């Protein structure tokens, strides 16, 4: 992760003519968070499939397997996040108390990943090829989301389509912006909270309808 951030930072920093002091911390936080999000979603798709033997032998709630996946990726995130303060130290960028807002932001991010992983795990248990489609969609979302490019580099009304209507951008902002000493817009908080509430309502209904069929699909 550190080598990838350093390589992309040097190359794209020159291509975009972005200030290193701003671009490197933005890139580091974005790449670390994106790695957590994308891996959690992809592994969430196969979490029930990977736990097939356990599901068929033990009466453990199926959501436990989703939690196992999220916890594993959270531990990996804990290792990768060490890179971020090193980047701040390298570019001599201070961290303020506003960085503590990233904690509730991360909790809200995990809530959204949990309901999304639950729904996708059930769908992928039924339709196994769906995992490859989701992987391709995530690659597209990576380039449409400001991770390796700065939002202020967008021209004109592109902000409306690539930022305001991009749920991944808002989920990342509630964690990344406080770490960078930036203010999180109320829109990002409200949209992230709304997605968590609506998503969990759908996930509970979806899970309640199909949970008894999952063992047969596996």
Protein backbone atom coordinates (compact mmCIF):
# COMPACT_ATOMS: atom_id res chain seq x y z
CA UNK A 1 0.00 0.00 0.00
CA UNK A 2 2.77 2.44 0.89
CA UNK A 3 4.65 1.71 -2.35
CA UNK A 4 1.47 2.14 -4.40
CA UNK A 5 0.62 5.45 -2.75
CA UNK A 6 4.15 6.72 -3.31
CA UNK A 7 4.18 5.69 -6.96
CA UNK A 8 0.72 7.06 -7.80
CA UNK A 9 1.44 10.23 -5.84
CA UNK A 10 4.59 11.01 -7.78
CA UNK A 11 3.16 10.20 -11.22
CA UNK A 12 -0.32 11.69 -10.91
CA UNK A 13 0.91 14.62 -8.85
CA UNK A 14 3.05 15.62 -11.81
CA UNK A 15 0.33 14.90 -14.37
CA UNK A 16 -2.31 16.93 -12.53
CA UNK A 17 0.17 19.58 -11.41
CA UNK A 18 -1.22 19.22 -7.87
CA UNK A 19 0.55 20.60 -4.77
CA UNK A 20 2.34 17.71 -3.05
CA UNK A 21 1.37 18.97 0.42
CA UNK A 22 -2.32 18.64 -0.44
CA UNK A 23 -2.28 15.78 -2.93
CA UNK A 24 -0.25 13.18 -1.01
CA UNK A 25 -2.40 13.18 2.19
CA UNK A 26 -5.57 13.22 0.06
CA UNK A 27 -4.30 10.28 -2.01
CA UNK A 28 -3.10 8.31 1.01
CA UNK A 29 -6.40 8.63 2.89
CA UNK A 30 -8.37 7.89 -0.28
CA UNK A 31 -6.41 4.78 -1.27
CA UNK A 32 -6.48 3.33 2.24
CA UNK A 33 -10.24 3.88 2.57
CA UNK A 34 -10.97 2.62 -0.93
CA UNK A 35 -9.00 -0.54 -0.24
CA UNK A 36 -11.15 -1.12 2.85
CA UNK A 37 -14.42 -0.40 1.03
CA UNK A 38 -13.73 -2.41 -2.13
CA UNK A 39 -12.29 -5.41 -0.28
CA UNK A 40 -15.18 -5.43 2.21
CA UNK A 41 -17.73 -5.40 -0.62
CA UNK A 42 -15.99 -8.06 -2.72
CA UNK A 43 -15.34 -10.38 0.23
CA UNK A 44 -18.84 -9.65 1.49
CA UNK A 45 -20.19 -11.06 -1.77
CA UNK A 46 -18.56 -14.43 -1.06
CA UNK A 47 -18.78 -14.43 2.75
CA UNK A 48 -21.68 -16.93 2.83
CA UNK A 49 -20.18 -19.06 0.07
CA UNK A 50 -16.86 -19.25 1.93
CA UNK A 51 -18.70 -20.27 5.12
CA UNK A 52 -20.70 -23.02 3.40
CA UNK A 53 -19.44 -25.84 5.62
CA UNK A 54 -20.10 -23.89 8.82
CA UNK A 55 -23.58 -22.87 7.69
CA UNK A 56 -24.54 -26.47 6.91
CA UNK A 57 -23.24 -27.83 10.21
CA UNK A 58 -23.84 -25.20 12.90
CA UNK A 59 -26.94 -23.06 13.65
CA UNK A 60 -24.99 -19.78 13.73
CA UNK A 61 -26.82 -16.61 12.62
CA UNK A 62 -25.81 -15.91 9.03
CA UNK A 63 -25.00 -12.28 9.75
CA UNK A 64 -22.07 -13.47 11.90
CA UNK A 65 -20.23 -14.38 8.69
CA UNK A 66 -20.71 -10.82 7.39
CA UNK A 67 -19.33 -9.46 10.65
CA UNK A 68 -16.32 -11.76 10.39
CA UNK A 69 -15.52 -10.31 6.96
CA UNK A 70 -15.90 -6.71 8.13
CA UNK A 71 -13.79 -7.32 11.22
CA UNK A 72 -11.00 -8.91 9.21
CA UNK A 73 -10.89 -5.96 6.83
CA UNK A 74 -11.03 -3.51 9.73
CA UNK A 75 -7.89 -5.13 11.15
CA UNK A 76 -6.19 -4.78 7.76
CA UNK A 77 -7.28 -1.14 7.68
CA UNK A 78 -5.69 -0.68 11.09
CA UNK A 79 -2.37 -1.81 9.63
CA UNK A 80 -2.67 0.33 6.49
CA UNK A 81 -3.71 3.50 8.34
CA UNK A 82 -0.21 3.69 9.83
CA UNK A 83 0.90 4.98 6.43
CA UNK A 84 -1.26 8.11 6.75
CA UNK A 85 0.56 9.81 9.68
CA UNK A 86 3.86 9.00 7.95
CA UNK A 87 2.64 10.83 4.86
CA UNK A 88 1.54 13.80 6.99
CA UNK A 89 4.95 13.84 8.61
CA UNK A 90 6.68 13.71 5.22
CA UNK A 91 4.74 16.72 3.85
CA UNK A 92 4.74 18.49 7.26
CA UNK A 93 0.96 18.77 7.46
CA UNK A 94 -0.47 19.04 11.01
CA UNK A 95 -3.53 17.18 12.34
CA UNK A 96 -6.17 19.01 14.38
CA UNK A 97 -8.86 17.89 16.81
CA UNK A 98 -11.36 17.81 13.95
CA UNK A 99 -9.74 14.49 12.96
CA UNK A 100 -11.75 12.88 15.79
CA UNK A 101 -14.88 13.32 13.64
CA UNK A 102 -13.53 10.54 11.45
CA UNK A 103 -14.47 8.06 14.21
CA UNK A 104 -18.27 8.49 13.93
CA UNK A 105 -17.77 8.81 10.18
CA UNK A 106 -16.06 5.42 10.10
CA UNK A 107 -18.82 3.87 12.22
CA UNK A 108 -21.39 5.17 9.72
CA UNK A 109 -19.31 3.81 6.85
CA UNK A 110 -19.20 0.35 8.44
CA UNK A 111 -22.98 0.42 8.99
CA UNK A 112 -23.47 1.04 5.27
CA UNK A 113 -21.00 -1.65 4.27
CA UNK A 114 -22.73 -4.13 6.60
CA UNK A 115 -26.18 -3.88 5.01
CA UNK A 116 -24.72 -3.80 1.51
CA UNK A 117 -22.60 -6.89 2.19
CA UNK A 118 -25.60 -8.72 3.66
CA UNK A 119 -27.72 -8.15 0.55
CA UNK A 120 -24.90 -8.91 -1.88
CA UNK A 121 -23.90 -12.08 -0.03
CA UNK A 122 -27.42 -13.47 -0.40
CA UNK A 123 -27.63 -12.50 -4.08
CA UNK A 124 -24.19 -13.95 -4.83
CA UNK A 125 -25.09 -17.18 -3.03
CA UNK A 126 -27.94 -17.55 -5.51
CA UNK A 127 -26.21 -16.10 -8.59
CA UNK A 128 -22.50 -16.94 -8.43
CA UNK A 129 -21.47 -14.91 -11.51
CA UNK A 130 -22.68 -11.71 -9.84
CA UNK A 131 -19.38 -11.38 -7.97
CA UNK A 132 -17.46 -10.73 -11.20
CA UNK A 133 -19.98 -8.09 -12.25
CA UNK A 134 -19.66 -6.29 -8.92
CA UNK A 135 -15.85 -6.36 -9.25
CA UNK A 136 -16.14 -4.66 -12.64
CA UNK A 137 -18.55 -2.06 -11.27
CA UNK A 138 -16.13 -1.27 -8.43
CA UNK A 139 -13.37 -0.59 -10.96
CA UNK A 140 -15.60 1.96 -12.69
CA UNK A 141 -16.57 3.57 -9.39
CA UNK A 142 -12.86 3.89 -8.48
CA UNK A 143 -12.22 6.15 -11.45
CA UNK A 144 -15.45 8.12 -11.01
CA UNK A 145 -14.68 8.88 -7.35
CA UNK A 146 -12.04 11.46 -6.29
CA UNK A 147 -9.39 9.08 -4.97
CA UNK A 148 -6.45 9.61 -7.30
CA UNK A 149 -7.64 13.05 -8.42
CA UNK A 150 -8.71 16.13 -6.48
CA UNK A 151 -12.35 17.31 -6.55
CA UNK A 152 -11.35 20.90 -7.34
CA UNK A 153 -9.90 19.71 -10.65
CA UNK A 154 -13.37 19.04 -12.05
CA UNK A 155 -14.64 21.61 -14.55
CA UNK A 156 -18.05 23.28 -14.42
CA UNK A 157 -21.11 21.18 -13.63
CA UNK A 158 -19.14 17.94 -13.43
CA UNK A 159 -19.21 18.37 -9.62
CA UNK A 160 -22.94 17.72 -9.64
CA UNK A 161 -22.69 14.36 -11.39
CA UNK A 162 -19.39 12.96 -10.08
CA UNK A 163 -19.62 14.26 -6.50
CA UNK A 164 -23.15 15.15 -5.42
CA UNK A 165 -24.71 12.02 -6.98
CA UNK A 166 -21.88 9.69 -5.95
CA UNK A 167 -22.73 7.87 -2.69
CA UNK A 168 -19.19 6.44 -2.37
CA UNK A 169 -17.79 9.97 -2.39
CA UNK A 170 -20.00 10.99 0.54
CA UNK A 171 -19.13 7.82 2.49
CA UNK A 172 -15.45 8.52 2.00
CA UNK A 173 -15.76 12.20 2.84
CA UNK A 174 -17.21 11.64 6.31
CA UNK A 175 -13.98 9.77 7.17
CA UNK A 176 -11.37 11.41 4.94
CA UNK A 177 -12.26 15.09 5.29
CA UNK A 178 -11.73 15.27 9.10
CA UNK A 179 -8.36 13.53 8.71
CA UNK A 180 -7.33 16.22 6.23
CA UNK A 181 -8.51 19.03 8.48
CA UNK A 182 -11.49 19.81 6.24
CA UNK A 183 -15.11 20.36 7.17
CA UNK A 184 -17.59 17.65 6.21
CA UNK A 185 -20.64 19.03 4.48
CA UNK A 186 -24.01 18.40 6.08
CA UNK A 187 -25.11 16.80 2.80
CA UNK A 188 -22.53 14.04 3.22
CA UNK A 189 -23.66 13.35 6.80
CA UNK A 190 -27.34 13.30 5.92
CA UNK A 191 -26.91 11.16 2.81
CA UNK A 192 -24.69 8.65 4.63
CA UNK A 193 -27.14 8.42 7.51
CA UNK A 194 -30.10 8.16 5.15
CA UNK A 195 -28.40 5.39 3.17
CA UNK A 196 -27.71 3.47 6.39
CA UNK A 197 -31.33 3.75 7.55
CA UNK A 198 -32.90 2.92 4.20
CA UNK A 199 -30.35 0.23 3.45
CA UNK A 200 -30.90 -1.58 6.73
CA UNK A 201 -34.66 -1.53 6.24
CA UNK A 202 -34.21 -3.19 2.84
CA UNK A 203 -31.58 -5.62 4.16
CA UNK A 204 -33.77 -6.78 7.07
CA UNK A 205 -36.74 -7.42 4.77
CA UNK A 206 -34.54 -9.11 2.16
CA UNK A 207 -32.81 -11.28 4.75
CA UNK A 208 -36.09 -12.24 6.41
CA UNK A 209 -37.52 -13.35 3.08
CA UNK A 210 -34.63 -15.50 1.87
CA UNK A 211 -32.63 -16.61 4.93
CA UNK A 212 -34.22 -20.08 5.00
CA UNK A 213 -33.25 -20.76 1.37
CA UNK A 214 -29.57 -19.84 1.65
CA UNK A 215 -28.43 -23.25 2.92
CA UNK A 216 -30.06 -24.89 -0.11
CA UNK A 217 -28.46 -22.42 -2.52
CA UNK A 218 -25.05 -23.24 -1.09
